[in-house]
Amino acid sequence: MGGLDDLSHHTVRANGIRQHWVEAGSGPPLVLLHGFPETWYAWRKQIPVLSRHYRVIAPDLRGYGHTEKPAAGYDKRTMARDLAALMDHLGVAAAPIIGHDRGARLATRFAKDFPGRATHLGVFDNVPTRVIFERMDAAVARGHWFFIFNQVPDLPEALIHGREETWLRFIFSSWTYDPECLSDEEIATYVKAYRQPGAVRGAMSDYRAGRDDVAQDLADADVGIACPTLALWGEDFDLVGRMWDMPSVWNAMGTDVSTVAIPQCGHLPHEERPDVVNEAILRFLEQHPTAG
């Protein structure tokens, strides 16, 4: 057991949309939520290791991969309900929820909206949306250009269409410590995903929900996350590890926060330094066996 050959693909209609997820292993459930511009495939280096100990569930988020790409519903509260409905279908009452990037935003909202169902929270290379916009200035805007560009109606889709590989290679090479850490085959897998009808629009819609996400975050900004939280990031990513005081950011969000900064690592720690990330996840979960 423990390889990608052991995983299975599934679909179900839950919370009003067709959701796709992959699953591997047995034992206690563990949910992994990918970020932008990825799919469940982002966790390919975690699934073989974690599935030796856990029932790993890795969905494509609303708008991504093989999950439906509706016109609306990309605010994180609705996406948290997507996840709750999927967990209901799977008979999972509660589980550790680990997310990267956009998946971390969803995981954070899920932990606040369904506190009893998130036994642990993992947030990888992520600064909360509210925090980014509270500090938005010329330097933050320059680095986070995609937050602004992705929200422009229609134009990103028009410019990216037919140039998906150029777009993805630019993002992956500029967001990683080693710009060549993803192989041509791995990039091709993502290119194929984004050449599906509606795929680029789905990812852009995730960002276009930013105003709603900030409003939701402001409404319960004073509510701390109670479950054990692992905040992990790449130390050498300009927009996270180098720009923000990450321990301060996440200690302000929760009451039981562990932090891990990974050197010589950019925005994709799970892809760039998988051995370190896998060890950090397992250690975190082992240290909090009765959480929730």
Protein backbone atom coordinates (compact mmCIF):
# COMPACT_ATOMS: atom_id res chain seq x y z
CA MET A 1 0.00 0.00 0.00
CA GLY A 2 0.96 3.65 -0.13
CA GLY A 3 1.46 4.48 -3.81
CA LEU A 4 -0.50 6.58 -6.26
CA ASP A 5 -1.53 3.34 -7.96
CA ASP A 6 -3.59 2.62 -4.85
CA LEU A 7 -5.71 5.75 -5.01
CA SER A 8 -9.21 5.77 -6.42
CA HIS A 9 -11.18 8.53 -8.16
CA HIS A 10 -14.76 9.34 -7.22
CA THR A 11 -17.51 11.83 -7.99
CA VAL A 12 -20.71 12.77 -6.18
CA ARG A 13 -23.25 15.58 -6.31
CA ALA A 14 -22.98 17.39 -2.97
CA ASN A 15 -23.98 20.91 -1.95
CA GLY A 16 -25.50 21.30 -5.40
CA ILE A 17 -22.37 20.64 -7.47
CA ARG A 18 -20.60 17.61 -8.87
CA GLN A 19 -17.48 17.08 -6.77
CA HIS A 20 -14.46 14.98 -7.64
CA TRP A 21 -12.01 13.60 -5.11
CA VAL A 22 -9.30 10.98 -4.82
CA GLU A 23 -8.92 8.65 -1.89
CA ALA A 24 -6.23 6.30 -0.62
CA GLY A 25 -5.46 4.34 2.52
CA SER A 26 -7.52 3.42 5.54
CA GLY A 27 -7.74 4.44 9.16
CA PRO A 28 -8.62 7.89 10.53
CA PRO A 29 -9.66 10.36 7.82
CA LEU A 30 -7.37 13.18 6.70
CA VAL A 31 -8.49 15.86 4.22
CA LEU A 32 -6.03 17.65 1.91
CA LEU A 33 -7.12 20.81 0.07
CA HIS A 34 -5.04 22.09 -2.85
CA GLY A 35 -4.32 25.70 -3.79
CA PHE A 36 -4.01 27.81 -6.94
CA PRO A 37 -3.17 27.01 -9.66
CA GLU A 38 -3.28 23.33 -8.79
CA THR A 39 -5.66 20.39 -8.35
CA TRP A 40 -5.73 17.32 -6.09
CA TYR A 41 -2.55 16.31 -7.98
CA ALA A 42 -0.63 18.81 -5.84
CA TRP A 43 -0.66 16.21 -3.04
CA ARG A 44 0.83 13.37 -5.12
CA LYS A 45 3.99 13.41 -2.95
CA GLN A 46 2.00 13.28 0.29
CA ILE A 47 -0.64 10.69 -0.54
CA PRO A 48 1.70 7.65 -0.73
CA VAL A 49 3.21 8.46 2.67
CA LEU A 50 0.14 9.68 4.56
CA SER A 51 -2.09 6.90 3.26
CA ARG A 52 0.01 4.39 5.19
CA HIS A 53 -1.50 5.85 8.34
CA TYR A 54 -4.70 7.64 7.28
CA ARG A 55 -7.66 7.51 4.95
CA VAL A 56 -6.53 10.37 2.75
CA ILE A 57 -9.24 12.37 0.97
CA ALA A 58 -8.09 14.96 -1.56
CA PRO A 59 -10.86 16.78 -3.46
CA ASP A 60 -10.70 19.14 -6.40
CA LEU A 61 -12.14 22.39 -5.07
CA ARG A 62 -15.14 24.11 -6.65
CA GLY A 63 -13.99 25.42 -10.03
CA TYR A 64 -10.86 23.26 -10.22
CA GLY A 65 -9.83 19.97 -11.79
CA HIS A 66 -12.72 17.60 -12.39
CA THR A 67 -15.07 19.30 -9.92
CA GLU A 68 -17.91 21.34 -11.39
CA LYS A 69 -17.25 24.97 -12.32
CA PRO A 70 -20.51 26.84 -11.67
CA ALA A 71 -20.97 30.56 -12.23
CA ALA A 72 -21.20 31.37 -8.52
CA GLY A 73 -20.51 30.09 -5.02
CA TYR A 74 -16.78 30.74 -4.71
CA ASP A 75 -16.90 32.58 -1.40
CA LYS A 76 -15.17 30.47 1.21
CA ARG A 77 -18.32 29.96 3.28
CA THR A 78 -20.03 28.25 0.35
CA MET A 79 -16.88 26.27 -0.42
CA ALA A 80 -16.72 25.20 3.24
CA ARG A 81 -20.25 23.89 2.80
CA ASP A 82 -19.02 22.00 -0.27
CA LEU A 83 -16.49 20.27 1.94
CA ALA A 84 -19.00 19.60 4.73
CA ALA A 85 -21.39 18.00 2.21
CA LEU A 86 -18.60 15.85 0.80
CA MET A 87 -17.60 14.72 4.28
CA ASP A 88 -21.24 13.90 5.02
CA HIS A 89 -21.35 11.73 1.91
CA LEU A 90 -18.16 9.97 3.01
CA GLY A 91 -19.45 9.40 6.54
CA VAL A 92 -16.70 11.58 8.00
CA ALA A 93 -17.97 13.47 11.03
CA ALA A 94 -14.66 15.19 11.76
CA ALA A 95 -11.09 15.13 10.48
CA PRO A 96 -7.85 17.07 10.26
CA ILE A 97 -8.18 19.60 7.43
CA ILE A 98 -4.92 20.60 5.77
CA GLY A 99 -4.87 23.20 3.00
CA HIS A 100 -2.35 25.02 0.86
CA ASP A 101 -2.86 28.53 -0.51
CA ARG A 102 -6.54 28.80 -1.56
CA GLY A 103 -7.17 25.47 0.15
CA ALA A 104 -5.81 26.99 3.37
CA ARG A 105 -8.32 29.82 3.05
CA LEU A 106 -11.09 27.27 2.68
CA ALA A 107 -9.71 25.22 5.58
CA THR A 108 -9.61 28.30 7.81
CA ARG A 109 -13.21 29.19 6.99
CA PHE A 110 -14.24 25.56 7.56
CA ALA A 111 -12.54 25.55 10.98
CA LYS A 112 -14.52 28.67 11.95
CA ASP A 113 -17.87 27.66 10.45
CA PHE A 114 -17.68 23.98 11.46
CA PRO A 115 -15.40 24.06 14.52
CA GLY A 116 -16.37 20.62 15.76
CA ARG A 117 -15.57 19.04 12.41
CA ALA A 118 -12.00 20.28 12.05
CA THR A 119 -9.98 18.34 14.62
CA HIS A 120 -6.74 19.90 13.37
CA LEU A 121 -6.00 22.71 10.92
CA GLY A 122 -3.05 22.87 8.55
CA VAL A 123 -2.35 26.10 6.64
CA PHE A 124 0.54 25.92 4.20
CA ASP A 125 2.25 29.00 2.75
CA ASN A 126 -0.80 31.14 3.29
CA VAL A 127 -1.52 34.61 4.61
CA PRO A 128 -5.24 35.11 5.35
CA THR A 129 -7.09 37.14 2.73
CA ARG A 130 -8.21 39.73 5.27
CA VAL A 131 -4.64 40.29 6.44
CA ILE A 132 -3.35 40.79 2.89
CA PHE A 133 -5.97 43.40 2.05
CA GLU A 134 -5.59 45.18 5.38
CA ARG A 135 -1.94 45.79 4.54
CA MET A 136 -2.35 46.33 0.80
CA ASP A 137 0.16 48.92 -0.38
CA ALA A 138 2.34 49.33 -3.45
CA ALA A 139 4.79 46.60 -2.42
CA VAL A 140 2.08 44.10 -1.48
CA ALA A 141 0.11 44.88 -4.65
CA ARG A 142 3.18 44.44 -6.85
CA GLY A 143 3.92 41.03 -5.38
CA HIS A 144 0.30 39.95 -5.27
CA TRP A 145 -0.46 41.15 -8.81
CA PHE A 146 -2.45 37.97 -9.47
CA PHE A 147 -4.92 38.85 -6.68
CA ILE A 148 -5.84 41.90 -8.74
CA PHE A 149 -5.43 40.51 -12.26
CA ASN A 150 -7.47 37.38 -11.54
CA GLN A 151 -10.40 39.51 -10.40
CA VAL A 152 -10.70 41.40 -13.69
CA PRO A 153 -13.81 40.12 -15.52
CA ASP A 154 -13.17 37.98 -18.61
CA LEU A 155 -9.73 39.36 -19.53
CA PRO A 156 -7.61 36.66 -17.80
CA GLU A 157 -9.56 33.92 -19.58
CA ALA A 158 -9.09 35.64 -22.95
CA LEU A 159 -5.35 36.13 -22.47
CA ILE A 160 -4.63 32.67 -21.04
CA HIS A 161 -6.70 30.67 -23.56
CA GLY A 162 -4.30 28.71 -25.77
CA ARG A 163 -1.36 29.83 -23.61
CA GLU A 164 -2.07 27.70 -20.53
CA GLU A 165 1.44 26.23 -20.49
CA THR A 166 3.12 29.65 -20.72
CA TRP A 167 0.92 30.95 -17.90
CA LEU A 168 1.53 27.95 -15.62
CA ARG A 169 5.27 27.78 -16.28
CA PHE A 170 5.60 31.46 -15.37
CA ILE A 171 3.73 30.94 -12.10
CA PHE A 172 5.46 27.72 -11.08
CA SER A 173 8.96 28.95 -11.94
CA SER A 174 8.53 32.29 -10.17
CA TRP A 175 6.89 30.82 -7.07
CA THR A 176 9.44 28.07 -6.39
CA TYR A 177 12.94 28.27 -4.91
CA ASP A 178 14.24 26.00 -7.68
CA PRO A 179 12.43 27.21 -10.83
CA GLU A 180 12.88 23.81 -12.44
CA CYS A 181 11.65 21.67 -9.54
CA LEU A 182 8.52 20.59 -11.44
CA SER A 183 9.18 18.20 -14.30
CA ASP A 184 7.76 18.65 -17.78
CA GLU A 185 5.42 15.73 -17.07
CA GLU A 186 4.14 17.32 -13.87
CA ILE A 187 3.55 20.66 -15.57
CA ALA A 188 1.80 18.87 -18.43
CA THR A 189 -0.64 17.36 -15.94
CA TYR A 190 -1.61 20.82 -14.74
CA VAL A 191 -1.76 22.17 -18.31
CA LYS A 192 -4.20 19.41 -19.22
CA ALA A 193 -6.39 20.31 -16.24
CA TYR A 194 -6.51 23.98 -17.22
CA ARG A 195 -7.32 23.25 -20.84
CA GLN A 196 -10.67 21.84 -19.74
CA PRO A 197 -13.67 24.04 -20.58
CA GLY A 198 -14.26 26.54 -17.80
CA ALA A 199 -11.14 25.63 -15.83
CA VAL A 200 -9.40 29.00 -16.03
CA ARG A 201 -12.68 30.79 -15.29
CA GLY A 202 -13.20 28.56 -12.26
CA ALA A 203 -9.82 29.49 -10.81
CA MET A 204 -10.40 33.18 -11.53
CA SER A 205 -13.82 32.96 -9.87
CA ASP A 206 -12.10 31.80 -6.70
CA TYR A 207 -10.25 35.13 -6.59
CA ARG A 208 -13.28 37.14 -7.73
CA ALA A 209 -14.96 36.11 -4.49
CA GLY A 210 -12.32 38.09 -2.59
CA ARG A 211 -14.69 40.86 -1.48
CA ASP A 212 -17.09 38.33 0.03
CA ASP A 213 -14.21 36.43 1.63
CA VAL A 214 -12.88 39.57 3.31
CA ALA A 215 -16.38 40.47 4.57
CA GLN A 216 -16.78 36.99 6.06
CA ASP A 217 -13.33 37.18 7.65
CA LEU A 218 -14.02 40.60 9.15
CA ALA A 219 -17.32 39.45 10.65
CA ASP A 220 -15.62 36.87 12.87
CA ALA A 221 -12.08 38.24 13.03
CA ASP A 222 -12.24 38.12 16.83
CA VAL A 223 -13.10 34.41 16.87
CA GLY A 224 -9.93 32.40 17.41
CA ILE A 225 -9.37 28.98 15.90
CA ALA A 226 -9.47 26.55 18.80
CA CYS A 227 -8.17 23.35 17.23
CA PRO A 228 -4.42 22.68 16.99
CA THR A 229 -3.06 24.52 13.97
CA LEU A 230 0.07 23.87 11.90
CA ALA A 231 1.24 26.92 9.95
CA LEU A 232 3.98 25.87 7.52
CA TRP A 233 5.61 27.94 4.80
CA GLY A 234 8.57 28.30 2.47
CA GLU A 235 11.13 30.55 4.10
CA ASP A 236 12.36 31.90 0.77
CA PHE A 237 9.10 32.86 -0.93
CA ASP A 238 9.06 36.62 -1.43
CA LEU A 239 5.32 36.95 -0.90
CA VAL A 240 5.03 34.92 2.30
CA GLY A 241 8.14 33.95 4.26
CA ARG A 242 10.11 37.05 3.31
CA MET A 243 7.23 39.55 3.37
CA TRP A 244 5.31 38.58 6.50
CA ASP A 245 6.01 37.74 10.13
CA MET A 246 4.27 34.40 9.76
CA PRO A 247 4.39 33.30 13.43
CA SER A 248 2.69 36.57 14.40
CA VAL A 249 0.11 36.27 11.61
CA TRP A 250 -1.00 32.80 12.64
CA ASN A 251 -0.65 33.18 16.40
CA ALA A 252 -3.17 35.99 16.04
CA MET A 253 -5.56 33.57 14.30
CA GLY A 254 -5.53 30.66 16.73
CA THR A 255 -4.91 29.63 20.31
CA ASP A 256 -2.77 26.52 19.71
CA VAL A 257 -0.43 27.20 16.78
CA SER A 258 2.71 25.35 15.72
CA THR A 259 4.91 26.98 13.08
CA VAL A 260 7.38 25.48 10.62
CA ALA A 261 9.52 27.56 8.24
CA ILE A 262 11.24 25.51 5.55
CA PRO A 263 14.52 26.91 4.19
CA GLN A 264 15.37 26.85 0.49
CA CYS A 265 11.68 26.56 -0.29
CA GLY A 266 9.17 28.73 -2.09
CA HIS A 267 5.38 28.77 -2.30
CA LEU A 268 4.90 25.05 -2.96
CA PRO A 269 6.45 23.31 0.07
CA HIS A 270 4.45 20.11 -0.47
CA GLU A 271 5.93 19.86 -3.99
CA GLU A 272 9.38 21.36 -3.34
CA ARG A 273 10.28 19.76 0.01
CA PRO A 274 7.86 16.82 0.33
CA ASP A 275 9.94 14.84 2.81
CA VAL A 276 10.05 17.77 5.23
CA VAL A 277 6.34 18.45 4.78
CA ASN A 278 5.34 14.81 5.24
CA GLU A 279 7.38 14.55 8.41
CA ALA A 280 5.88 17.81 9.72
CA ILE A 281 2.31 16.62 9.07
CA LEU A 282 2.83 13.26 10.72
CA ARG A 283 4.61 14.78 13.71
CA PHE A 284 1.89 17.42 14.15
CA LEU A 285 -0.91 14.86 14.07
CA GLU A 286 0.93 12.49 16.39
CA GLN A 287 1.51 15.27 18.91
CA HIS A 288 -2.21 16.08 19.03
CA PRO A 289 -3.88 12.65 19.01
CA THR A 290 -6.96 13.63 20.96
CA ALA A 291 -7.62 17.03 19.41
CA GLY A 292 -11.20 18.09 18.80
